[in-house]
PDB file of N, CA and C in Angstrom:
ATOM      1  N   MET A   1       0.523  -9.181 -11.475  1.00  0.00           N
ATOM      2  CA  MET A   1       0.496 -10.278 -10.539  1.00  0.00           C
ATOM      3  C   MET A   1      -0.411 -10.022  -9.354  1.00  0.00           C
ATOM      4  N   GLY A   2      -1.078  -8.873  -9.319  1.00  0.00           N
ATOM      5  CA  GLY A   2      -2.061  -8.708  -8.271  1.00  0.00           C
ATOM      6  C   GLY A   2      -2.124  -7.389  -7.546  1.00  0.00           C
ATOM      7  N   SER A   3      -1.217  -6.462  -7.822  1.00  0.00           N
ATOM      8  CA  SER A   3      -1.253  -5.206  -7.084  1.00  0.00           C
ATOM      9  C   SER A   3      -2.522  -4.407  -7.361  1.00  0.00           C
ATOM     10  N   VAL A   4      -2.912  -4.315  -8.618  1.00  0.00           N
ATOM     11  CA  VAL A   4      -4.128  -3.572  -8.940  1.00  0.00           C
ATOM     12  C   VAL A   4      -5.338  -4.274  -8.322  1.00  0.00           C
ATOM     13  N   ALA A   5      -5.331  -5.605  -8.343  1.00  0.00           N
ATOM     14  CA  ALA A   5      -6.415  -6.356  -7.684  1.00  0.00           C
ATOM     15  C   ALA A   5      -6.414  -6.085  -6.177  1.00  0.00           C
ATOM     16  N   THR A   6      -5.237  -5.930  -5.594  1.00  0.00           N
ATOM     17  CA  THR A   6      -5.148  -5.603  -4.168  1.00  0.00           C
ATOM     18  C   THR A   6      -5.765  -4.235  -3.899  1.00  0.00           C
ATOM     19  N   TRP A   7      -5.463  -3.259  -4.759  1.00  0.00           N
ATOM     20  CA  TRP A   7      -6.052  -1.928  -4.590  1.00  0.00           C
ATOM     21  C   TRP A   7      -7.571  -1.967  -4.752  1.00  0.00           C
ATOM     22  N   HIS A   8      -8.058  -2.777  -5.684  1.00  0.00           N
ATOM     23  CA  HIS A   8      -9.517  -2.895  -5.847  1.00  0.00           C
ATOM     24  C   HIS A   8     -10.143  -3.608  -4.644  1.00  0.00           C
ATOM     25  N   THR A   9      -9.428  -4.543  -4.066  1.00  0.00           N
ATOM     26  CA  THR A   9      -9.921  -5.180  -2.842  1.00  0.00           C
ATOM     27  C   THR A   9      -9.990  -4.143  -1.727  1.00  0.00           C
ATOM     28  N   PHE A  10      -8.980  -3.289  -1.629  1.00  0.00           N
ATOM     29  CA  PHE A  10      -9.018  -2.187  -0.667  1.00  0.00           C
ATOM     30  C   PHE A  10     -10.225  -1.295  -0.948  1.00  0.00           C
ATOM     31  N   GLN A  11     -10.453  -1.012  -2.209  1.00  0.00           N
ATOM     32  CA  GLN A  11     -11.533  -0.121  -2.620  1.00  0.00           C
ATOM     33  C   GLN A  11     -12.908  -0.691  -2.289  1.00  0.00           C
ATOM     34  N   TYR A  12     -13.117  -1.966  -2.522  1.00  0.00           N
ATOM     35  CA  TYR A  12     -14.459  -2.532  -2.408  1.00  0.00           C
ATOM     36  C   TYR A  12     -14.680  -3.473  -1.220  1.00  0.00           C
ATOM     37  N   CYS A  13     -13.616  -3.861  -0.532  1.00  0.00           N
ATOM     38  CA  CYS A  13     -13.756  -4.889   0.514  1.00  0.00           C
ATOM     39  C   CYS A  13     -13.072  -4.502   1.819  1.00  0.00           C
ATOM     40  N   LEU A  14     -12.991  -3.232   2.106  1.00  0.00           N
ATOM     41  CA  LEU A  14     -12.331  -2.789   3.328  1.00  0.00           C
ATOM     42  C   LEU A  14     -13.013  -3.329   4.582  1.00  0.00           C
ATOM     43  N   ASP A  15     -14.271  -3.671   4.478  1.00  0.00           N
ATOM     44  CA  ASP A  15     -14.980  -4.273   5.620  1.00  0.00           C
ATOM     45  C   ASP A  15     -14.483  -5.673   5.936  1.00  0.00           C
ATOM     46  N   TYR A  16     -13.826  -6.326   5.003  1.00  0.00           N
ATOM     47  CA  TYR A  16     -13.475  -7.736   5.155  1.00  0.00           C
ATOM     48  C   TYR A  16     -11.998  -8.015   5.377  1.00  0.00           C
ATOM     49  N   PHE A  17     -11.143  -7.048   5.091  1.00  0.00           N
ATOM     50  CA  PHE A  17      -9.699  -7.250   5.213  1.00  0.00           C
ATOM     51  C   PHE A  17      -9.066  -6.115   6.001  1.00  0.00           C
ATOM     52  N   ARG A  18      -8.021  -6.450   6.755  1.00  0.00           N
ATOM     53  CA  ARG A  18      -7.294  -5.456   7.529  1.00  0.00           C
ATOM     54  C   ARG A  18      -5.929  -5.129   6.905  1.00  0.00           C
ATOM     55  N   TYR A  19      -5.272  -6.129   6.342  1.00  0.00           N
ATOM     56  CA  TYR A  19      -3.922  -5.968   5.807  1.00  0.00           C
ATOM     57  C   TYR A  19      -3.934  -6.049   4.285  1.00  0.00           C
ATOM     58  N   PHE A  20      -3.131  -5.179   3.680  1.00  0.00           N
ATOM     59  CA  PHE A  20      -3.018  -5.120   2.224  1.00  0.00           C
ATOM     60  C   PHE A  20      -1.543  -5.060   1.861  1.00  0.00           C
ATOM     61  N   LEU A  21      -1.131  -5.861   0.873  1.00  0.00           N
ATOM     62  CA  LEU A  21       0.265  -5.927   0.458  1.00  0.00           C
ATOM     63  C   LEU A  21       0.412  -5.674  -1.047  1.00  0.00           C
ATOM     64  N   PRO A  22       0.116  -4.478  -1.520  1.00  0.00           N
ATOM     65  CA  PRO A  22       0.304  -4.196  -2.947  1.00  0.00           C
ATOM     66  C   PRO A  22       1.783  -4.013  -3.276  1.00  0.00           C
ATOM     67  N   SER A  23       2.148  -4.411  -4.484  1.00  0.00           N
ATOM     68  CA  SER A  23       3.531  -4.189  -4.914  1.00  0.00           C
ATOM     69  C   SER A  23       3.563  -3.873  -6.404  1.00  0.00           C
ATOM     70  N   SER A  24       4.157  -2.755  -6.712  1.00  0.00           N
ATOM     71  CA  SER A  24       4.479  -2.388  -8.092  1.00  0.00           C
ATOM     72  C   SER A  24       3.282  -2.286  -9.026  1.00  0.00           C
ATOM     73  N   GLY A  25       2.227  -1.713  -8.567  1.00  0.00           N
ATOM     74  CA  GLY A  25       1.085  -1.443  -9.424  1.00  0.00           C
ATOM     75  C   GLY A  25       0.169  -0.460  -8.726  1.00  0.00           C
ATOM     76  N   ASN A  26      -0.229   0.573  -9.413  1.00  0.00           N
ATOM     77  CA  ASN A  26      -1.043   1.611  -8.774  1.00  0.00           C
ATOM     78  C   ASN A  26      -2.470   1.613  -9.299  1.00  0.00           C
ATOM     79  N   LEU A  27      -3.326   2.226  -8.530  1.00  0.00           N
ATOM     80  CA  LEU A  27      -4.722   2.409  -8.924  1.00  0.00           C
ATOM     81  C   LEU A  27      -4.945   3.823  -9.445  1.00  0.00           C
ATOM     82  N   THR A  28      -4.316   4.792  -8.793  1.00  0.00           N
ATOM     83  CA  THR A  28      -4.511   6.198  -9.106  1.00  0.00           C
ATOM     84  C   THR A  28      -3.327   6.983  -8.552  1.00  0.00           C
ATOM     85  N   SER A  29      -3.211   8.227  -8.939  1.00  0.00           N
ATOM     86  CA  SER A  29      -2.213   9.108  -8.317  1.00  0.00           C
ATOM     87  C   SER A  29      -2.902  10.147  -7.437  1.00  0.00           C
ATOM     88  N   ASP A  30      -4.178   9.947  -7.191  1.00  0.00           N
ATOM     89  CA  ASP A  30      -4.999  10.881  -6.423  1.00  0.00           C
ATOM     90  C   ASP A  30      -5.161  10.382  -4.985  1.00  0.00           C
ATOM     91  N   GLY A  31      -4.405  10.980  -4.076  1.00  0.00           N
ATOM     92  CA  GLY A  31      -4.470  10.588  -2.668  1.00  0.00           C
ATOM     93  C   GLY A  31      -5.833  10.834  -2.050  1.00  0.00           C
ATOM     94  N   GLU A  32      -6.486  11.902  -2.454  1.00  0.00           N
ATOM     95  CA  GLU A  32      -7.823  12.198  -1.924  1.00  0.00           C
ATOM     96  C   GLU A  32      -8.833  11.134  -2.344  1.00  0.00           C
ATOM     97  N   TYR A  33      -8.688  10.631  -3.550  1.00  0.00           N
ATOM     98  CA  TYR A  33      -9.568   9.545  -4.008  1.00  0.00           C
ATOM     99  C   TYR A  33      -9.416   8.333  -3.090  1.00  0.00           C
ATOM    100  N   MET A  34      -8.171   7.995  -2.774  1.00  0.00           N
ATOM    101  CA  MET A  34      -7.922   6.851  -1.890  1.00  0.00           C
ATOM    102  C   MET A  34      -8.462   7.125  -0.487  1.00  0.00           C
ATOM    103  N   ALA A  35      -8.297   8.343  -0.012  1.00  0.00           N
ATOM    104  CA  ALA A  35      -8.819   8.702   1.316  1.00  0.00           C
ATOM    105  C   ALA A  35     -10.343   8.657   1.325  1.00  0.00           C
ATOM    106  N   ASP A  36     -10.963   9.060   0.231  1.00  0.00           N
ATOM    107  CA  ASP A  36     -12.428   8.990   0.142  1.00  0.00           C
ATOM    108  C   ASP A  36     -12.932   7.554   0.251  1.00  0.00           C
ATOM    109  N   ILE A  37     -12.160   6.615  -0.252  1.00  0.00           N
ATOM    110  CA  ILE A  37     -12.533   5.207  -0.105  1.00  0.00           C
ATOM    111  C   ILE A  37     -12.667   4.859   1.373  1.00  0.00           C
ATOM    112  N   VAL A  38     -11.700   5.304   2.159  1.00  0.00           N
ATOM    113  CA  VAL A  38     -11.724   5.036   3.598  1.00  0.00           C
ATOM    114  C   VAL A  38     -12.862   5.803   4.256  1.00  0.00           C
ATOM    115  N   ARG A  39     -12.954   7.080   3.976  1.00  0.00           N
ATOM    116  CA  ARG A  39     -14.001   7.914   4.591  1.00  0.00           C
ATOM    117  C   ARG A  39     -15.400   7.385   4.270  1.00  0.00           C
ATOM    118  N   ASP A  40     -15.643   7.074   3.003  1.00  0.00           N
ATOM    119  CA  ASP A  40     -16.959   6.609   2.578  1.00  0.00           C
ATOM    120  C   ASP A  40     -17.319   5.251   3.178  1.00  0.00           C
ATOM    121  N   SER A  41     -16.303   4.471   3.540  1.00  0.00           N
ATOM    122  CA  SER A  41     -16.555   3.153   4.128  1.00  0.00           C
ATOM    123  C   SER A  41     -16.897   3.245   5.613  1.00  0.00           C
ATOM    124  N   GLY A  42     -16.622   4.416   6.212  1.00  0.00           N
ATOM    125  CA  GLY A  42     -16.857   4.578   7.641  1.00  0.00           C
ATOM    126  C   GLY A  42     -15.704   4.091   8.502  1.00  0.00           C
ATOM    127  N   HIS A  43     -14.598   3.714   7.876  1.00  0.00           N
ATOM    128  CA  HIS A  43     -13.443   3.236   8.631  1.00  0.00           C
ATOM    129  C   HIS A  43     -12.538   4.398   9.025  1.00  0.00           C
ATOM    130  N   GLU A  44     -11.706   4.141  10.020  1.00  0.00           N
ATOM    131  CA  GLU A  44     -10.727   5.106  10.511  1.00  0.00           C
ATOM    132  C   GLU A  44      -9.333   4.661  10.071  1.00  0.00           C
ATOM    133  N   TRP A  45      -8.340   5.519  10.276  1.00  0.00           N
ATOM    134  CA  TRP A  45      -6.970   5.241   9.860  1.00  0.00           C
ATOM    135  C   TRP A  45      -6.414   3.982  10.512  1.00  0.00           C
ATOM    136  N   ASN A  46      -6.872   3.649  11.693  1.00  0.00           N
ATOM    137  CA  ASN A  46      -6.305   2.500  12.408  1.00  0.00           C
ATOM    138  C   ASN A  46      -7.085   1.203  12.192  1.00  0.00           C
ATOM    139  N   ASP A  47      -7.951   1.169  11.200  1.00  0.00           N
ATOM    140  CA  ASP A  47      -8.711  -0.038  10.877  1.00  0.00           C
ATOM    141  C   ASP A  47      -8.021  -0.914   9.825  1.00  0.00           C
ATOM    142  N   PHE A  48      -6.894  -0.468   9.286  1.00  0.00           N
ATOM    143  CA  PHE A  48      -6.212  -1.220   8.233  1.00  0.00           C
ATOM    144  C   PHE A  48      -4.740  -0.848   8.216  1.00  0.00           C
ATOM    145  N   PHE A  49      -3.942  -1.669   7.554  1.00  0.00           N
ATOM    146  CA  PHE A  49      -2.523  -1.377   7.370  1.00  0.00           C
ATOM    147  C   PHE A  49      -2.125  -1.805   5.960  1.00  0.00           C
ATOM    148  N   ILE A  50      -1.387  -0.926   5.283  1.00  0.00           N
ATOM    149  CA  ILE A  50      -0.906  -1.191   3.928  1.00  0.00           C
ATOM    150  C   ILE A  50       0.612  -1.344   3.966  1.00  0.00           C
ATOM    151  N   PHE A  51       1.099  -2.513   3.586  1.00  0.00           N
ATOM    152  CA  PHE A  51       2.525  -2.772   3.432  1.00  0.00           C
ATOM    153  C   PHE A  51       2.791  -2.764   1.929  1.00  0.00           C
ATOM    154  N   ALA A  52       3.281  -1.655   1.416  1.00  0.00           N
ATOM    155  CA  ALA A  52       3.507  -1.478  -0.014  1.00  0.00           C
ATOM    156  C   ALA A  52       4.985  -1.675  -0.330  1.00  0.00           C
ATOM    157  N   ALA A  53       5.271  -2.276  -1.482  1.00  0.00           N
ATOM    158  CA  ALA A  53       6.663  -2.526  -1.845  1.00  0.00           C
ATOM    159  C   ALA A  53       6.852  -2.443  -3.352  1.00  0.00           C
ATOM    160  N   SER A  54       8.030  -1.956  -3.737  1.00  0.00           N
ATOM    161  CA  SER A  54       8.383  -1.914  -5.154  1.00  0.00           C
ATOM    162  C   SER A  54       9.893  -1.759  -5.274  1.00  0.00           C
ATOM    163  N   GLY A  55      10.404  -2.158  -6.426  1.00  0.00           N
ATOM    164  CA  GLY A  55      11.822  -1.990  -6.717  1.00  0.00           C
ATOM    165  C   GLY A  55      12.069  -0.712  -7.489  1.00  0.00           C
ATOM    166  N   THR A  56      13.208  -0.115  -7.262  1.00  0.00           N
ATOM    167  CA  THR A  56      13.524   1.162  -7.889  1.00  0.00           C
ATOM    168  C   THR A  56      13.731   1.051  -9.399  1.00  0.00           C
ATOM    169  N   ASP A  57      14.016  -0.154  -9.909  1.00  0.00           N
ATOM    170  CA  ASP A  57      14.180  -0.351 -11.347  1.00  0.00           C
ATOM    171  C   ASP A  57      12.959  -1.020 -11.983  1.00  0.00           C
ATOM    172  N   ASP A  58      11.867  -1.066 -11.250  1.00  0.00           N
ATOM    173  CA  ASP A  58      10.611  -1.628 -11.745  1.00  0.00           C
ATOM    174  C   ASP A  58       9.948  -0.602 -12.664  1.00  0.00           C
ATOM    175  N   PHE A  59       9.443  -1.033 -13.816  1.00  0.00           N
ATOM    176  CA  PHE A  59       8.801  -0.086 -14.733  1.00  0.00           C
ATOM    177  C   PHE A  59       7.586   0.589 -14.101  1.00  0.00           C
ATOM    178  N   ALA A  60       6.974  -0.030 -13.094  1.00  0.00           N
ATOM    179  CA  ALA A  60       5.789   0.531 -12.438  1.00  0.00           C
ATOM    180  C   ALA A  60       6.134   1.355 -11.192  1.00  0.00           C
ATOM    181  N   TYR A  61       7.413   1.435 -10.863  1.00  0.00           N
ATOM    182  CA  TYR A  61       7.852   2.072  -9.620  1.00  0.00           C
ATOM    183  C   TYR A  61       7.393   3.522  -9.473  1.00  0.00           C
ATOM    184  N   SER A  62       7.608   4.353 -10.470  1.00  0.00           N
ATOM    185  CA  SER A  62       7.310   5.777 -10.296  1.00  0.00           C
ATOM    186  C   SER A  62       5.814   6.023 -10.096  1.00  0.00           C
ATOM    187  N   ALA A  63       4.959   5.363 -10.848  1.00  0.00           N
ATOM    188  CA  ALA A  63       3.513   5.539 -10.672  1.00  0.00           C
ATOM    189  C   ALA A  63       3.070   4.990  -9.316  1.00  0.00           C
ATOM    190  N   PHE A  64       3.624   3.856  -8.921  1.00  0.00           N
ATOM    191  CA  PHE A  64       3.297   3.260  -7.628  1.00  0.00           C
ATOM    192  C   PHE A  64       3.724   4.186  -6.494  1.00  0.00           C
ATOM    193  N   LYS A  65       4.962   4.666  -6.570  1.00  0.00           N
ATOM    194  CA  LYS A  65       5.475   5.577  -5.544  1.00  0.00           C
ATOM    195  C   LYS A  65       4.648   6.863  -5.497  1.00  0.00           C
ATOM    196  N   ASN A  66       4.258   7.380  -6.662  1.00  0.00           N
ATOM    197  CA  ASN A  66       3.414   8.582  -6.686  1.00  0.00           C
ATOM    198  C   ASN A  66       2.114   8.363  -5.937  1.00  0.00           C
ATOM    199  N   GLN A  67       1.505   7.184  -6.107  1.00  0.00           N
ATOM    200  CA  GLN A  67       0.265   6.911  -5.384  1.00  0.00           C
ATOM    201  C   GLN A  67       0.512   6.862  -3.886  1.00  0.00           C
ATOM    202  N   ILE A  68       1.541   6.156  -3.465  1.00  0.00           N
ATOM    203  CA  ILE A  68       1.837   6.033  -2.029  1.00  0.00           C
ATOM    204  C   ILE A  68       2.098   7.411  -1.432  1.00  0.00           C
ATOM    205  N   GLU A  69       2.914   8.218  -2.098  1.00  0.00           N
ATOM    206  CA  GLU A  69       3.211   9.558  -1.590  1.00  0.00           C
ATOM    207  C   GLU A  69       1.972  10.445  -1.576  1.00  0.00           C
ATOM    208  N   ALA A  70       1.125  10.342  -2.592  1.00  0.00           N
ATOM    209  CA  ALA A  70      -0.115  11.129  -2.630  1.00  0.00           C
ATOM    210  C   ALA A  70      -1.036  10.729  -1.480  1.00  0.00           C
ATOM    211  N   MET A  71      -1.073   9.449  -1.168  1.00  0.00           N
ATOM    212  CA  MET A  71      -1.882   8.987  -0.038  1.00  0.00           C
ATOM    213  C   MET A  71      -1.340   9.573   1.266  1.00  0.00           C
ATOM    214  N   ALA A  72      -0.027   9.516   1.437  1.00  0.00           N
ATOM    215  CA  ALA A  72       0.590  10.033   2.659  1.00  0.00           C
ATOM    216  C   ALA A  72       0.427  11.541   2.787  1.00  0.00           C
ATOM    217  N   ASP A  73       0.251  12.235   1.673  1.00  0.00           N
ATOM    218  CA  ASP A  73       0.116  13.694   1.692  1.00  0.00           C
ATOM    219  C   ASP A  73      -1.299  14.186   2.009  1.00  0.00           C
ATOM    220  N   VAL A  74      -2.256  13.284   2.131  1.00  0.00           N
ATOM    221  CA  VAL A  74      -3.624  13.697   2.464  1.00  0.00           C
ATOM    222  C   VAL A  74      -3.596  14.339   3.853  1.00  0.00           C
ATOM    223  N   ASP A  75      -4.142  15.547   3.953  1.00  0.00           N
ATOM    224  CA  ASP A  75      -4.015  16.367   5.162  1.00  0.00           C
ATOM    225  C   ASP A  75      -4.682  15.814   6.416  1.00  0.00           C
ATOM    226  N   ASP A  76      -5.739  15.046   6.283  1.00  0.00           N
ATOM    227  CA  ASP A  76      -6.493  14.653   7.482  1.00  0.00           C
ATOM    228  C   ASP A  76      -5.928  13.433   8.205  1.00  0.00           C
ATOM    229  N   GLY A  77      -4.819  12.881   7.725  1.00  0.00           N
ATOM    230  CA  GLY A  77      -4.199  11.753   8.420  1.00  0.00           C
ATOM    231  C   GLY A  77      -4.844  10.413   8.133  1.00  0.00           C
ATOM    232  N   THR A  78      -5.614  10.323   7.059  1.00  0.00           N
ATOM    233  CA  THR A  78      -6.203   9.038   6.690  1.00  0.00           C
ATOM    234  C   THR A  78      -5.115   8.002   6.493  1.00  0.00           C
ATOM    235  N   PHE A  79      -3.995   8.417   5.899  1.00  0.00           N
ATOM    236  CA  PHE A  79      -2.845   7.535   5.698  1.00  0.00           C
ATOM    237  C   PHE A  79      -1.657   8.134   6.442  1.00  0.00           C
ATOM    238  N   ARG A  80      -0.984   7.285   7.226  1.00  0.00           N
ATOM    239  CA  ARG A  80       0.136   7.749   8.053  1.00  0.00           C
ATOM    240  C   ARG A  80       1.300   6.781   7.922  1.00  0.00           C
ATOM    241  N   TYR A  81       2.437   7.305   7.457  1.00  0.00           N
ATOM    242  CA  TYR A  81       3.643   6.480   7.363  1.00  0.00           C
ATOM    243  C   TYR A  81       4.045   5.995   8.744  1.00  0.00           C
ATOM    244  N   ALA A  82       4.358   4.726   8.856  1.00  0.00           N
ATOM    245  CA  ALA A  82       4.871   4.165  10.105  1.00  0.00           C
ATOM    246  C   ALA A  82       5.353   2.747   9.833  1.00  0.00           C
ATOM    247  N   ASP A  83       6.169   2.245  10.723  1.00  0.00           N
ATOM    248  CA  ASP A  83       6.587   0.846  10.602  1.00  0.00           C
ATOM    249  C   ASP A  83       5.910  -0.014  11.665  1.00  0.00           C
ATOM    250  N   ASN A  84       4.826   0.526  12.229  1.00  0.00           N
ATOM    251  CA  ASN A  84       4.047  -0.228  13.209  1.00  0.00           C
ATOM    252  C   ASN A  84       2.608   0.276  13.186  1.00  0.00           C
ATOM    253  N   GLU A  85       1.700  -0.559  13.659  1.00  0.00           N
ATOM    254  CA  GLU A  85       0.275  -0.223  13.596  1.00  0.00           C
ATOM    255  C   GLU A  85      -0.166   0.768  14.666  1.00  0.00           C
ATOM    256  N   ARG A  86       0.599   0.945  15.693  1.00  0.00           N
ATOM    257  CA  ARG A  86       0.220   1.903  16.740  1.00  0.00           C
ATOM    258  C   ARG A  86       0.336   3.340  16.244  1.00  0.00           C
ATOM    259  N   GLN A  87       1.287   3.591  15.364  1.00  0.00           N
ATOM    260  CA  GLN A  87       1.553   4.954  14.928  1.00  0.00           C
ATOM    261  C   GLN A  87       1.049   5.275  13.529  1.00  0.00           C
ATOM    262  N   GLY A  88       0.724   4.262  12.758  1.00  0.00           N
ATOM    263  CA  GLY A  88       0.310   4.551  11.398  1.00  0.00           C
ATOM    264  C   GLY A  88      -0.296   3.363  10.698  1.00  0.00           C
ATOM    265  N   ASN A  89      -0.464   3.518   9.376  1.00  0.00           N
ATOM    266  CA  ASN A  89      -1.120   2.474   8.599  1.00  0.00           C
ATOM    267  C   ASN A  89      -0.535   2.304   7.196  1.00  0.00           C
ATOM    268  N   LEU A  90       0.628   2.903   6.959  1.00  0.00           N
ATOM    269  CA  LEU A  90       1.211   2.860   5.624  1.00  0.00           C
ATOM    270  C   LEU A  90       2.727   2.714   5.736  1.00  0.00           C
ATOM    271  N   TYR A  91       3.231   1.643   5.159  1.00  0.00           N
ATOM    272  CA  TYR A  91       4.670   1.399   5.125  1.00  0.00           C
ATOM    273  C   TYR A  91       5.062   1.173   3.670  1.00  0.00           C
ATOM    274  N   PHE A  92       6.171   1.771   3.249  1.00  0.00           N
ATOM    275  CA  PHE A  92       6.612   1.623   1.862  1.00  0.00           C
ATOM    276  C   PHE A  92       8.036   1.100   1.828  1.00  0.00           C
ATOM    277  N   LEU A  93       8.178  -0.123   1.358  1.00  0.00           N
ATOM    278  CA  LEU A  93       9.477  -0.768   1.204  1.00  0.00           C
ATOM    279  C   LEU A  93       9.949  -0.543  -0.226  1.00  0.00           C
ATOM    280  N   GLU A  94      11.122   0.052  -0.386  1.00  0.00           N
ATOM    281  CA  GLU A  94      11.701   0.289  -1.701  1.00  0.00           C
ATOM    282  C   GLU A  94      12.971  -0.541  -1.823  1.00  0.00           C
ATOM    283  N   GLN A  95      12.978  -1.471  -2.773  1.00  0.00           N
ATOM    284  CA  GLN A  95      14.129  -2.336  -2.995  1.00  0.00           C
ATOM    285  C   GLN A  95      15.027  -1.715  -4.054  1.00  0.00           C
ATOM    286  N   ASP A  96      16.208  -1.281  -3.636  1.00  0.00           N
ATOM    287  CA  ASP A  96      17.154  -0.674  -4.567  1.00  0.00           C
ATOM    288  C   ASP A  96      17.508  -1.673  -5.668  1.00  0.00           C
ATOM    289  N   GLY A  97      17.251  -1.301  -6.905  1.00  0.00           N
ATOM    290  CA  GLY A  97      17.569  -2.143  -8.050  1.00  0.00           C
ATOM    291  C   GLY A  97      16.533  -3.212  -8.362  1.00  0.00           C
ATOM    292  N   GLY A  98      15.490  -3.313  -7.554  1.00  0.00           N
ATOM    293  CA  GLY A  98      14.460  -4.323  -7.781  1.00  0.00           C
ATOM    294  C   GLY A  98      13.699  -4.068  -9.072  1.00  0.00           C
ATOM    295  N   VAL A  99      13.346  -5.148  -9.765  1.00  0.00           N
ATOM    296  CA  VAL A  99      12.616  -5.060 -11.025  1.00  0.00           C
ATOM    297  C   VAL A  99      11.250  -5.725 -10.889  1.00  0.00           C
ATOM    298  N   HIS A 100      10.444  -5.604 -11.916  1.00  0.00           N
ATOM    299  CA  HIS A 100       9.099  -6.175 -11.940  1.00  0.00           C
ATOM    300  C   HIS A 100       9.209  -7.655 -12.318  1.00  0.00           C
ATOM    301  N   SER A 101       9.320  -8.503 -11.308  1.00  0.00           N
ATOM    302  CA  SER A 101       9.493  -9.932 -11.575  1.00  0.00           C
ATOM    303  C   SER A 101       8.900 -10.744 -10.438  1.00  0.00           C
ATOM    304  N   GLY A 102       8.665 -12.010 -10.725  1.00  0.00           N
ATOM    305  CA  GLY A 102       8.160 -12.922  -9.698  1.00  0.00           C
ATOM    306  C   GLY A 102       9.112 -13.069  -8.540  1.00  0.00           C
ATOM    307  N   GLU A 103      10.408 -13.029  -8.816  1.00  0.00           N
ATOM    308  CA  GLU A 103      11.413 -13.152  -7.756  1.00  0.00           C
ATOM    309  C   GLU A 103      11.266 -12.024  -6.734  1.00  0.00           C
ATOM    310  N   TYR A 104      11.167 -10.800  -7.218  1.00  0.00           N
ATOM    311  CA  TYR A 104      11.015  -9.674  -6.299  1.00  0.00           C
ATOM    312  C   TYR A 104       9.636  -9.669  -5.656  1.00  0.00           C
ATOM    313  N   ALA A 105       8.605 -10.064  -6.393  1.00  0.00           N
ATOM    314  CA  ALA A 105       7.266 -10.141  -5.804  1.00  0.00           C
ATOM    315  C   ALA A 105       7.261 -11.084  -4.610  1.00  0.00           C
ATOM    316  N   MET A 106       7.934 -12.217  -4.742  1.00  0.00           N
ATOM    317  CA  MET A 106       7.998 -13.173  -3.629  1.00  0.00           C
ATOM    318  C   MET A 106       8.758 -12.580  -2.434  1.00  0.00           C
ATOM    319  N   GLU A 107       9.794 -11.820  -2.714  1.00  0.00           N
ATOM    320  CA  GLU A 107      10.554 -11.164  -1.639  1.00  0.00           C
ATOM    321  C   GLU A 107       9.674 -10.152  -0.903  1.00  0.00           C
ATOM    322  N   TYR A 108       8.912  -9.359  -1.652  1.00  0.00           N
ATOM    323  CA  TYR A 108       8.029  -8.372  -1.029  1.00  0.00           C
ATOM    324  C   TYR A 108       6.943  -9.069  -0.215  1.00  0.00           C
ATOM    325  N   PHE A 109       6.377 -10.111  -0.790  1.00  0.00           N
ATOM    326  CA  PHE A 109       5.320 -10.863  -0.112  1.00  0.00           C
ATOM    327  C   PHE A 109       5.863 -11.487   1.178  1.00  0.00           C
ATOM    328  N   TYR A 110       7.036 -12.089   1.099  1.00  0.00           N
ATOM    329  CA  TYR A 110       7.669 -12.692   2.275  1.00  0.00           C
ATOM    330  C   TYR A 110       7.880 -11.647   3.371  1.00  0.00           C
ATOM    331  N   ASN A 111       8.460 -10.509   3.003  1.00  0.00           N
ATOM    332  CA  ASN A 111       8.725  -9.464   3.992  1.00  0.00           C
ATOM    333  C   ASN A 111       7.431  -8.905   4.573  1.00  0.00           C
ATOM    334  N   GLY A 112       6.414  -8.739   3.743  1.00  0.00           N
ATOM    335  CA  GLY A 112       5.133  -8.248   4.224  1.00  0.00           C
ATOM    336  C   GLY A 112       4.493  -9.217   5.205  1.00  0.00           C
ATOM    337  N   LEU A 113       4.516 -10.509   4.884  1.00  0.00           N
ATOM    338  CA  LEU A 113       3.928 -11.492   5.789  1.00  0.00           C
ATOM    339  C   LEU A 113       4.715 -11.599   7.096  1.00  0.00           C
ATOM    340  N   CYS A 114       6.036 -11.522   7.008  1.00  0.00           N
ATOM    341  CA  CYS A 114       6.850 -11.521   8.244  1.00  0.00           C
ATOM    342  C   CYS A 114       6.479 -10.324   9.114  1.00  0.00           C
ATOM    343  N   TRP A 115       6.267  -9.191   8.478  1.00  0.00           N
ATOM    344  CA  TRP A 115       5.897  -7.985   9.236  1.00  0.00           C
ATOM    345  C   TRP A 115       4.532  -8.176   9.896  1.00  0.00           C
ATOM    346  N   ILE A 116       3.553  -8.666   9.146  1.00  0.00           N
ATOM    347  CA  ILE A 116       2.205  -8.841   9.684  1.00  0.00           C
ATOM    348  C   ILE A 116       2.188  -9.826  10.838  1.00  0.00           C
ATOM    349  N   TRP A 117       2.934 -10.904  10.699  1.00  0.00           N
ATOM    350  CA  TRP A 117       2.899 -11.971  11.707  1.00  0.00           C
ATOM    351  C   TRP A 117       3.998 -11.862  12.741  1.00  0.00           C
ATOM    352  N   GLN A 118       4.602 -10.709  12.873  1.00  0.00           N
ATOM    353  CA  GLN A 118       5.687 -10.545  13.857  1.00  0.00           C
ATOM    354  C   GLN A 118       5.203 -10.681  15.280  1.00  0.00           C
TER     355      GLN A 118
END
């Protein structure tokens, strides 16, 4: 439903977008690869924010979570867990029991937009 497309938009269009809301779909499990996207673009950690979400019973959950955690583990601080833009650029919402469905996608999208427009 669009998470991989969101990651590709992050990969190729970081100059044009600030907020990204991927849910339940990963691009890679290599955090350094994701950090290189940012470094190669000339952007800094505070030039974007990723609101990531997935359900714990989603078939894509473990791969998605692995990517998010790998990004957060990059040593230079390219990705920083936080629930606000002043302190970081990566938030991960995990819905207990959530599955890969349009219903949960809409919930993640709603929560992400509420967060962005707070």
